[in-house]
Structures are given as structure tokens and as C-alpha cells.
Amino acid sequence: MERIYENITVPILPLSKSKWVRVKDGNLTAWALFQRHYSKYHYADGRRPKRFVGPGERIVLITQDGLAFFVWRKFLDASGQKGVNCSIFRNDGNHLSSELILEAEKLAWVRWPEERLYTYVNADKIKSSNPGYCFKCAGWNECGTTKARGLVILEKFPGQN
């Protein structure tokens, strides 16, 4: 089965009831959601690159309704973190964020079995008084902050509930 997003045909992922569809970096639906993410970098010269993930291995996901997206990225992280990074997650839809995260984890562990998953949350840029609450509801644990910018680091290991 396939779906068409922004004139790009992409296969539905093999999980029978998955809300996620895998797309390429630069997909217009994901790009539009990324424009509203707090981590979006605004270039002083006005550039608007079509790709937004960065170097390394990646999985870019959008929900079938096009209202949420998620990016897994495995790369050499300058902060010293090891594993697979959730570099972007945004949910503008009605799906429960923690459920979307749990589904995305399964896809990451198919690609990178037994790897630690981690993400950063900028507590100053979000409305919640509990940074990373949706990740915590999905079983992630806070494991520290980054030295340079004080971002909250959350992590999850395979088999962890």
C-alpha cells in the first residue's frame, strides 16, 4: 500500500497499524512542520534549505494524516552522547505524543538494534513545566543536561518500559 504526500509516493511502513510513514529528508509536509519547531535555525541571509536533518544516518517519519513528524539520526554528536538521537519531534495532531514516540522507537530499533535512544529538550523554549513529559510518559528517563546550552537529556534503552 502507498500514500502520496506532496507528489512523492512513499510506502506505508510494515507495522500493520502504524501511524507513521517513512519519507525522505526534504519532504514538503515534514519541512512545513519543521518550520514551526522550536529548534528551527533561521539563517541571517534568509536561506531556506530544502533539507533539514543534517549529516549521518537518518529515518524521517510523518504521520499518515501529515500532522506530526519525527526524525531519528545516528551521527557523531559533539556533546559526546552515544546512540541514536531523536533530533526532531513535533505533533500538531490528535495522536497522543507518547504513543507516537513508542511507535517511532520500534522503527529505530529495527534499523539500529540494541542502540540507546536519546534526545535533547530545551526547557526554555517549550510551554511545559515538565520538559520532555511526552517522552517520560513513553518510558524515557532524564539523565542529565548538556554542558554548553543546558539542554535536558532524555534516554531510553531497548527493553526498558
Foldseek 3Di string as FASTA:
>chain_A
DWDAAPNDIFRADPPPPDQKTWDDFLRPLVLVQLVPFPVDDQDPVRDDDSGDDDDADKTWIAGPVSFKIWMWGADCDPLRDHFIEGEDIDGRDDDQLLVNVLSVVVVVCVVVPFTKYKYWWDCVRDDDPDTPVSPVVNQWDFDAAGPPRRTTMIIDTPPGD
